[in-house]
Amino acid sequence: MTNAVFSTASIGLYPFDARGVAKRFRHAAIFGALSALEPGETMRFYNDHDPLPLLAQIEAHFGSRVTIAYVARAPGEIIIDFGIA
């Protein structure tokens, strides 16, 4: 019997845990990561709070090229998929 092991990168899903990035660098790191994605790829974003101002900035910068979909939206556990069209 074999166990199937795959990388999320092999399916175009890249995790980004903002909780491990110093606050002063977070937005720049997030914008850099989103800019590095190819069409059809997704960044799964993990955070401890709902980043509403950041979402507005991302929408203003990327426009319709980015999709935003909440995977989890509970206090202390925010997971958002950012897709690039």
PDB file of N, CA and C in Angstrom:
ATOM      1  N   MET A   1       0.846  -1.177   0.000  1.00  0.00           N
ATOM      2  CA  MET A   1       0.000   0.000   0.000  1.00  0.00           C
ATOM      3  C   MET A   1       0.891   1.240   0.000  1.00  0.00           C
ATOM      4  N   THR A   2       0.510   2.238  -0.775  1.00  0.00           N
ATOM      5  CA  THR A   2       1.254   3.489  -0.822  1.00  0.00           C
ATOM      6  C   THR A   2       0.370   4.612  -0.313  1.00  0.00           C
ATOM      7  N   ASN A   3       1.007   5.569   0.320  1.00  0.00           N
ATOM      8  CA  ASN A   3       0.298   6.756   0.773  1.00  0.00           C
ATOM      9  C   ASN A   3       0.536   7.869  -0.226  1.00  0.00           C
ATOM     10  N   ALA A   4      -0.527   8.492  -0.665  1.00  0.00           N
ATOM     11  CA  ALA A   4      -0.408   9.591  -1.615  1.00  0.00           C
ATOM     12  C   ALA A   4       0.015  10.844  -0.866  1.00  0.00           C
ATOM     13  N   VAL A   5       1.148  11.380  -1.222  1.00  0.00           N
ATOM     14  CA  VAL A   5       1.647  12.612  -0.631  1.00  0.00           C
ATOM     15  C   VAL A   5       1.820  13.610  -1.759  1.00  0.00           C
ATOM     16  N   PHE A   6       1.257  14.787  -1.585  1.00  0.00           N
ATOM     17  CA  PHE A   6       1.419  15.798  -2.611  1.00  0.00           C
ATOM     18  C   PHE A   6       1.638  17.148  -1.962  1.00  0.00           C
ATOM     19  N   SER A   7       2.259  17.999  -2.684  1.00  0.00           N
ATOM     20  CA  SER A   7       2.502  19.362  -2.242  1.00  0.00           C
ATOM     21  C   SER A   7       1.344  20.231  -2.689  1.00  0.00           C
ATOM     22  N   THR A   8       0.961  21.185  -1.841  1.00  0.00           N
ATOM     23  CA  THR A   8      -0.091  22.101  -2.265  1.00  0.00           C
ATOM     24  C   THR A   8       0.364  22.892  -3.484  1.00  0.00           C
ATOM     25  N   ALA A   9       1.672  23.079  -3.635  1.00  0.00           N
ATOM     26  CA  ALA A   9       2.180  23.797  -4.803  1.00  0.00           C
ATOM     27  C   ALA A   9       1.880  23.025  -6.087  1.00  0.00           C
ATOM     28  N   SER A  10       1.827  21.702  -5.995  1.00  0.00           N
ATOM     29  CA  SER A  10       1.558  20.912  -7.197  1.00  0.00           C
ATOM     30  C   SER A  10       0.145  21.140  -7.722  1.00  0.00           C
ATOM     31  N   ILE A  11      -0.735  21.668  -6.897  1.00  0.00           N
ATOM     32  CA  ILE A  11      -2.101  21.983  -7.337  1.00  0.00           C
ATOM     33  C   ILE A  11      -2.317  23.497  -7.438  1.00  0.00           C
ATOM     34  N   GLY A  12      -1.225  24.270  -7.368  1.00  0.00           N
ATOM     35  CA  GLY A  12      -1.331  25.720  -7.527  1.00  0.00           C
ATOM     36  C   GLY A  12      -1.861  26.450  -6.312  1.00  0.00           C
ATOM     37  N   LEU A  13      -1.715  25.854  -5.122  1.00  0.00           N
ATOM     38  CA  LEU A  13      -2.176  26.469  -3.879  1.00  0.00           C
ATOM     39  C   LEU A  13      -0.970  26.699  -2.984  1.00  0.00           C
ATOM     40  N   TYR A  14      -0.696  27.968  -2.676  1.00  0.00           N
ATOM     41  CA  TYR A  14       0.484  28.327  -1.912  1.00  0.00           C
ATOM     42  C   TYR A  14       0.078  28.959  -0.581  1.00  0.00           C
ATOM     43  N   PRO A  15       0.494  28.363   0.551  1.00  0.00           N
ATOM     44  CA  PRO A  15       0.129  28.928   1.850  1.00  0.00           C
ATOM     45  C   PRO A  15       0.963  30.158   2.188  1.00  0.00           C
ATOM     46  N   PHE A  16       0.325  31.110   2.846  1.00  0.00           N
ATOM     47  CA  PHE A  16       1.010  32.313   3.347  1.00  0.00           C
ATOM     48  C   PHE A  16       0.474  32.582   4.741  1.00  0.00           C
ATOM     49  N   ASP A  17       1.288  32.349   5.753  1.00  0.00           N
ATOM     50  CA  ASP A  17       0.874  32.560   7.139  1.00  0.00           C
ATOM     51  C   ASP A  17       1.390  33.914   7.608  1.00  0.00           C
ATOM     52  N   ALA A  18       0.493  34.897   7.623  1.00  0.00           N
ATOM     53  CA  ALA A  18       0.876  36.267   7.989  1.00  0.00           C
ATOM     54  C   ALA A  18       1.245  36.378   9.462  1.00  0.00           C
ATOM     55  N   ARG A  19       0.830  35.440  10.278  1.00  0.00           N
ATOM     56  CA  ARG A  19       1.120  35.493  11.710  1.00  0.00           C
ATOM     57  C   ARG A  19       2.606  35.367  11.988  1.00  0.00           C
ATOM     58  N   GLY A  20       3.360  34.815  11.048  1.00  0.00           N
ATOM     59  CA  GLY A  20       4.797  34.640  11.234  1.00  0.00           C
ATOM     60  C   GLY A  20       5.626  35.744  10.622  1.00  0.00           C
ATOM     61  N   VAL A  21       4.986  36.787  10.109  1.00  0.00           N
ATOM     62  CA  VAL A  21       5.698  37.893   9.467  1.00  0.00           C
ATOM     63  C   VAL A  21       5.592  39.127  10.367  1.00  0.00           C
ATOM     64  N   ALA A  22       6.705  39.793  10.602  1.00  0.00           N
ATOM     65  CA  ALA A  22       6.693  40.999  11.431  1.00  0.00           C
ATOM     66  C   ALA A  22       5.693  42.005  10.874  1.00  0.00           C
ATOM     67  N   LYS A  23       4.945  42.644  11.751  1.00  0.00           N
ATOM     68  CA  LYS A  23       3.870  43.543  11.327  1.00  0.00           C
ATOM     69  C   LYS A  23       4.337  44.603  10.345  1.00  0.00           C
ATOM     70  N   ARG A  24       5.511  45.138  10.545  1.00  0.00           N
ATOM     71  CA  ARG A  24       5.966  46.217   9.652  1.00  0.00           C
ATOM     72  C   ARG A  24       6.243  45.742   8.230  1.00  0.00           C
ATOM     73  N   PHE A  25       6.395  44.421   8.036  1.00  0.00           N
ATOM     74  CA  PHE A  25       6.688  43.876   6.710  1.00  0.00           C
ATOM     75  C   PHE A  25       5.494  43.163   6.068  1.00  0.00           C
ATOM     76  N   ARG A  26       4.407  42.981   6.802  1.00  0.00           N
ATOM     77  CA  ARG A  26       3.313  42.127   6.328  1.00  0.00           C
ATOM     78  C   ARG A  26       2.728  42.551   4.985  1.00  0.00           C
ATOM     79  N   HIS A  27       2.306  43.805   4.875  1.00  0.00           N
ATOM     80  CA  HIS A  27       1.632  44.217   3.641  1.00  0.00           C
ATOM     81  C   HIS A  27       2.558  44.091   2.436  1.00  0.00           C
ATOM     82  N   ALA A  28       3.814  44.496   2.602  1.00  0.00           N
ATOM     83  CA  ALA A  28       4.764  44.380   1.490  1.00  0.00           C
ATOM     84  C   ALA A  28       4.968  42.913   1.110  1.00  0.00           C
ATOM     85  N   ALA A  29       5.058  42.036   2.108  1.00  0.00           N
ATOM     86  CA  ALA A  29       5.251  40.608   1.832  1.00  0.00           C
ATOM     87  C   ALA A  29       4.030  40.021   1.127  1.00  0.00           C
ATOM     88  N   ILE A  30       2.849  40.421   1.559  1.00  0.00           N
ATOM     89  CA  ILE A  30       1.610  39.911   0.957  1.00  0.00           C
ATOM     90  C   ILE A  30       1.487  40.380  -0.486  1.00  0.00           C
ATOM     91  N   PHE A  31       1.742  41.661  -0.732  1.00  0.00           N
ATOM     92  CA  PHE A  31       1.673  42.178  -2.103  1.00  0.00           C
ATOM     93  C   PHE A  31       2.722  41.527  -2.986  1.00  0.00           C
ATOM     94  N   GLY A  32       3.907  41.290  -2.444  1.00  0.00           N
ATOM     95  CA  GLY A  32       4.949  40.606  -3.207  1.00  0.00           C
ATOM     96  C   GLY A  32       4.555  39.189  -3.559  1.00  0.00           C
ATOM     97  N   ALA A  33       3.971  38.486  -2.596  1.00  0.00           N
ATOM     98  CA  ALA A  33       3.538  37.104  -2.846  1.00  0.00           C
ATOM     99  C   ALA A  33       2.430  37.063  -3.892  1.00  0.00           C
ATOM    100  N   LEU A  34       1.462  37.957  -3.785  1.00  0.00           N
ATOM    101  CA  LEU A  34       0.381  37.994  -4.771  1.00  0.00           C
ATOM    102  C   LEU A  34       0.912  38.336  -6.161  1.00  0.00           C
ATOM    103  N   SER A  35       1.858  39.235  -6.230  1.00  0.00           N
ATOM    104  CA  SER A  35       2.433  39.622  -7.524  1.00  0.00           C
ATOM    105  C   SER A  35       3.203  38.483  -8.167  1.00  0.00           C
ATOM    106  N   ALA A  36       3.694  37.556  -7.364  1.00  0.00           N
ATOM    107  CA  ALA A  36       4.475  36.432  -7.882  1.00  0.00           C
ATOM    108  C   ALA A  36       3.604  35.293  -8.405  1.00  0.00           C
ATOM    109  N   LEU A  37       2.317  35.312  -8.087  1.00  0.00           N
ATOM    110  CA  LEU A  37       1.430  34.240  -8.543  1.00  0.00           C
ATOM    111  C   LEU A  37       1.160  34.339 -10.037  1.00  0.00           C
ATOM    112  N   GLU A  38       1.051  33.177 -10.654  1.00  0.00           N
ATOM    113  CA  GLU A  38       0.687  33.073 -12.060  1.00  0.00           C
ATOM    114  C   GLU A  38      -0.832  32.924 -12.161  1.00  0.00           C
ATOM    115  N   PRO A  39      -1.424  33.273 -13.310  1.00  0.00           N
ATOM    116  CA  PRO A  39      -2.863  33.057 -13.484  1.00  0.00           C
ATOM    117  C   PRO A  39      -3.253  31.611 -13.180  1.00  0.00           C
ATOM    118  N   GLY A  40      -4.335  31.455 -12.436  1.00  0.00           N
ATOM    119  CA  GLY A  40      -4.810  30.139 -12.043  1.00  0.00           C
ATOM    120  C   GLY A  40      -4.277  29.667 -10.702  1.00  0.00           C
ATOM    121  N   GLU A  41      -3.289  30.351 -10.148  1.00  0.00           N
ATOM    122  CA  GLU A  41      -2.733  29.967  -8.857  1.00  0.00           C
ATOM    123  C   GLU A  41      -3.467  30.696  -7.732  1.00  0.00           C
ATOM    124  N   THR A  42      -3.375  30.130  -6.535  1.00  0.00           N
ATOM    125  CA  THR A  42      -4.056  30.670  -5.368  1.00  0.00           C
ATOM    126  C   THR A  42      -3.097  30.755  -4.194  1.00  0.00           C
ATOM    127  N   MET A  43      -3.189  31.850  -3.451  1.00  0.00           N
ATOM    128  CA  MET A  43      -2.465  31.986  -2.193  1.00  0.00           C
ATOM    129  C   MET A  43      -3.473  31.808  -1.066  1.00  0.00           C
ATOM    130  N   ARG A  44      -3.246  30.815  -0.201  1.00  0.00           N
ATOM    131  CA  ARG A  44      -4.104  30.616   0.971  1.00  0.00           C
ATOM    132  C   ARG A  44      -3.471  31.388   2.126  1.00  0.00           C
ATOM    133  N   PHE A  45      -4.183  32.398   2.577  1.00  0.00           N
ATOM    134  CA  PHE A  45      -3.710  33.370   3.560  1.00  0.00           C
ATOM    135  C   PHE A  45      -4.263  33.026   4.938  1.00  0.00           C
ATOM    136  N   TYR A  46      -3.374  32.942   5.934  1.00  0.00           N
ATOM    137  CA  TYR A  46      -3.755  32.653   7.317  1.00  0.00           C
ATOM    138  C   TYR A  46      -3.440  33.868   8.178  1.00  0.00           C
ATOM    139  N   ASN A  47      -4.397  34.246   9.025  1.00  0.00           N
ATOM    140  CA  ASN A  47      -4.187  35.404   9.898  1.00  0.00           C
ATOM    141  C   ASN A  47      -5.013  35.234  11.165  1.00  0.00           C
ATOM    142  N   ASP A  48      -4.709  36.040  12.168  1.00  0.00           N
ATOM    143  CA  ASP A  48      -5.445  35.966  13.425  1.00  0.00           C
ATOM    144  C   ASP A  48      -6.559  37.008  13.536  1.00  0.00           C
ATOM    145  N   HIS A  49      -6.669  37.872  12.548  1.00  0.00           N
ATOM    146  CA  HIS A  49      -7.747  38.868  12.527  1.00  0.00           C
ATOM    147  C   HIS A  49      -8.193  39.096  11.083  1.00  0.00           C
ATOM    148  N   ASP A  50      -9.389  39.637  10.928  1.00  0.00           N
ATOM    149  CA  ASP A  50      -9.946  39.904   9.603  1.00  0.00           C
ATOM    150  C   ASP A  50      -9.296  41.173   9.047  1.00  0.00           C
ATOM    151  N   PRO A  51      -8.528  41.070   7.970  1.00  0.00           N
ATOM    152  CA  PRO A  51      -7.747  42.203   7.457  1.00  0.00           C
ATOM    153  C   PRO A  51      -8.530  43.080   6.476  1.00  0.00           C
ATOM    154  N   LEU A  52      -9.621  43.650   6.919  1.00  0.00           N
ATOM    155  CA  LEU A  52     -10.485  44.413   6.009  1.00  0.00           C
ATOM    156  C   LEU A  52      -9.763  45.556   5.293  1.00  0.00           C
ATOM    157  N   PRO A  53      -8.937  46.374   5.977  1.00  0.00           N
ATOM    158  CA  PRO A  53      -8.216  47.419   5.236  1.00  0.00           C
ATOM    159  C   PRO A  53      -7.282  46.837   4.167  1.00  0.00           C
ATOM    160  N   LEU A  54      -6.634  45.736   4.485  1.00  0.00           N
ATOM    161  CA  LEU A  54      -5.754  45.076   3.506  1.00  0.00           C
ATOM    162  C   LEU A  54      -6.547  44.605   2.300  1.00  0.00           C
ATOM    163  N   LEU A  55      -7.717  44.032   2.532  1.00  0.00           N
ATOM    164  CA  LEU A  55      -8.535  43.558   1.416  1.00  0.00           C
ATOM    165  C   LEU A  55      -8.905  44.704   0.485  1.00  0.00           C
ATOM    166  N   ALA A  56      -9.229  45.854   1.050  1.00  0.00           N
ATOM    167  CA  ALA A  56      -9.549  47.029   0.228  1.00  0.00           C
ATOM    168  C   ALA A  56      -8.332  47.453  -0.589  1.00  0.00           C
ATOM    169  N   GLN A  57      -7.147  47.416   0.011  1.00  0.00           N
ATOM    170  CA  GLN A  57      -5.920  47.776  -0.709  1.00  0.00           C
ATOM    171  C   GLN A  57      -5.633  46.785  -1.835  1.00  0.00           C
ATOM    172  N   ILE A  58      -5.840  45.510  -1.562  1.00  0.00           N
ATOM    173  CA  ILE A  58      -5.603  44.483  -2.590  1.00  0.00           C
ATOM    174  C   ILE A  58      -6.567  44.670  -3.754  1.00  0.00           C
ATOM    175  N   GLU A  59      -7.836  44.894  -3.448  1.00  0.00           N
ATOM    176  CA  GLU A  59      -8.819  45.120  -4.512  1.00  0.00           C
ATOM    177  C   GLU A  59      -8.482  46.359  -5.326  1.00  0.00           C
ATOM    178  N   ALA A  60      -8.030  47.422  -4.667  1.00  0.00           N
ATOM    179  CA  ALA A  60      -7.671  48.651  -5.381  1.00  0.00           C
ATOM    180  C   ALA A  60      -6.455  48.432  -6.277  1.00  0.00           C
ATOM    181  N   HIS A  61      -5.498  47.654  -5.809  1.00  0.00           N
ATOM    182  CA  HIS A  61      -4.252  47.444  -6.559  1.00  0.00           C
ATOM    183  C   HIS A  61      -4.420  46.437  -7.703  1.00  0.00           C
ATOM    184  N   PHE A  62      -5.069  45.306  -7.416  1.00  0.00           N
ATOM    185  CA  PHE A  62      -5.157  44.222  -8.398  1.00  0.00           C
ATOM    186  C   PHE A  62      -6.445  44.228  -9.204  1.00  0.00           C
ATOM    187  N   GLY A  63      -7.476  44.891  -8.700  1.00  0.00           N
ATOM    188  CA  GLY A  63      -8.743  44.952  -9.419  1.00  0.00           C
ATOM    189  C   GLY A  63      -9.328  43.575  -9.658  1.00  0.00           C
ATOM    190  N   SER A  64      -9.836  43.354 -10.859  1.00  0.00           N
ATOM    191  CA  SER A  64     -10.517  42.097 -11.182  1.00  0.00           C
ATOM    192  C   SER A  64      -9.551  40.931 -11.400  1.00  0.00           C
ATOM    193  N   ARG A  65      -8.243  41.184 -11.345  1.00  0.00           N
ATOM    194  CA  ARG A  65      -7.269  40.091 -11.506  1.00  0.00           C
ATOM    195  C   ARG A  65      -7.211  39.188 -10.282  1.00  0.00           C
ATOM    196  N   VAL A  66      -7.760  39.652  -9.155  1.00  0.00           N
ATOM    197  CA  VAL A  66      -7.703  38.860  -7.933  1.00  0.00           C
ATOM    198  C   VAL A  66      -9.119  38.512  -7.468  1.00  0.00           C
ATOM    199  N   THR A  67      -9.276  37.280  -7.001  1.00  0.00           N
ATOM    200  CA  THR A  67     -10.525  36.885  -6.352  1.00  0.00           C
ATOM    201  C   THR A  67     -10.229  36.670  -4.872  1.00  0.00           C
ATOM    202  N   ILE A  68     -11.207  36.975  -4.047  1.00  0.00           N
ATOM    203  CA  ILE A  68     -11.054  36.857  -2.600  1.00  0.00           C
ATOM    204  C   ILE A  68     -12.189  35.983  -2.082  1.00  0.00           C
ATOM    205  N   ALA A  69     -11.825  34.877  -1.439  1.00  0.00           N
ATOM    206  CA  ALA A  69     -12.837  33.949  -0.923  1.00  0.00           C
ATOM    207  C   ALA A  69     -12.434  33.487   0.477  1.00  0.00           C
ATOM    208  N   TYR A  70     -13.312  33.745   1.434  1.00  0.00           N
ATOM    209  CA  TYR A  70     -13.054  33.277   2.799  1.00  0.00           C
ATOM    210  C   TYR A  70     -13.222  31.761   2.855  1.00  0.00           C
ATOM    211  N   VAL A  71     -12.253  31.097   3.477  1.00  0.00           N
ATOM    212  CA  VAL A  71     -12.317  29.665   3.747  1.00  0.00           C
ATOM    213  C   VAL A  71     -12.784  29.473   5.192  1.00  0.00           C
ATOM    214  N   ALA A  72     -12.299  30.331   6.100  1.00  0.00           N
ATOM    215  CA  ALA A  72     -12.713  30.337   7.504  1.00  0.00           C
ATOM    216  C   ALA A  72     -12.743  31.780   7.972  1.00  0.00           C
ATOM    217  N   ARG A  73     -13.758  32.115   8.761  1.00  0.00           N
ATOM    218  CA  ARG A  73     -13.893  33.487   9.248  1.00  0.00           C
ATOM    219  C   ARG A  73     -14.438  33.451  10.673  1.00  0.00           C
ATOM    220  N   ALA A  74     -13.588  33.012  11.580  1.00  0.00           N
ATOM    221  CA  ALA A  74     -13.943  32.915  12.986  1.00  0.00           C
ATOM    222  C   ALA A  74     -12.966  33.777  13.788  1.00  0.00           C
ATOM    223  N   PRO A  75     -13.363  34.249  14.948  1.00  0.00           N
ATOM    224  CA  PRO A  75     -12.434  35.043  15.772  1.00  0.00           C
ATOM    225  C   PRO A  75     -11.128  34.287  16.006  1.00  0.00           C
ATOM    226  N   GLY A  76     -10.030  34.914  15.655  1.00  0.00           N
ATOM    227  CA  GLY A  76      -8.720  34.315  15.830  1.00  0.00           C
ATOM    228  C   GLY A  76      -8.291  33.363  14.730  1.00  0.00           C
ATOM    229  N   GLU A  77      -9.181  33.055  13.803  1.00  0.00           N
ATOM    230  CA  GLU A  77      -8.834  32.143  12.704  1.00  0.00           C
ATOM    231  C   GLU A  77      -9.459  32.636  11.405  1.00  0.00           C
ATOM    232  N   ILE A  78      -8.639  33.331  10.644  1.00  0.00           N
ATOM    233  CA  ILE A  78      -9.055  33.832   9.340  1.00  0.00           C
ATOM    234  C   ILE A  78      -8.237  33.119   8.272  1.00  0.00           C
ATOM    235  N   ILE A  79      -8.931  32.510   7.328  1.00  0.00           N
ATOM    236  CA  ILE A  79      -8.268  31.887   6.178  1.00  0.00           C
ATOM    237  C   ILE A  79      -8.959  32.402   4.925  1.00  0.00           C
ATOM    238  N   ILE A  80      -8.164  32.971   4.032  1.00  0.00           N
ATOM    239  CA  ILE A  80      -8.685  33.566   2.807  1.00  0.00           C
ATOM    240  C   ILE A  80      -7.903  33.013   1.625  1.00  0.00           C
ATOM    241  N   ASP A  81      -8.615  32.620   0.578  1.00  0.00           N
ATOM    242  CA  ASP A  81      -7.968  32.249  -0.672  1.00  0.00           C
ATOM    243  C   ASP A  81      -7.968  33.449  -1.608  1.00  0.00           C
ATOM    244  N   PHE A  82      -6.779  33.826  -2.043  1.00  0.00           N
ATOM    245  CA  PHE A  82      -6.613  34.883  -3.055  1.00  0.00           C
ATOM    246  C   PHE A  82      -6.247  34.201  -4.357  1.00  0.00           C
ATOM    247  N   GLY A  83      -7.107  34.282  -5.329  1.00  0.00           N
ATOM    248  CA  GLY A  83      -6.854  33.682  -6.632  1.00  0.00           C
ATOM    249  C   GLY A  83      -6.452  34.737  -7.650  1.00  0.00           C
ATOM    250  N   ILE A  84      -5.616  34.357  -8.579  1.00  0.00           N
ATOM    251  CA  ILE A  84      -5.178  35.273  -9.639  1.00  0.00           C
ATOM    252  C   ILE A  84      -5.770  34.779 -10.956  1.00  0.00           C
ATOM    253  N   ALA A  85      -6.476  35.693 -11.620  1.00  0.00           N
ATOM    254  CA  ALA A  85      -7.104  35.350 -12.901  1.00  0.00           C
ATOM    255  C   ALA A  85      -6.161  35.654 -14.045  1.00  0.00           C
TER     256      ALA A  85
END
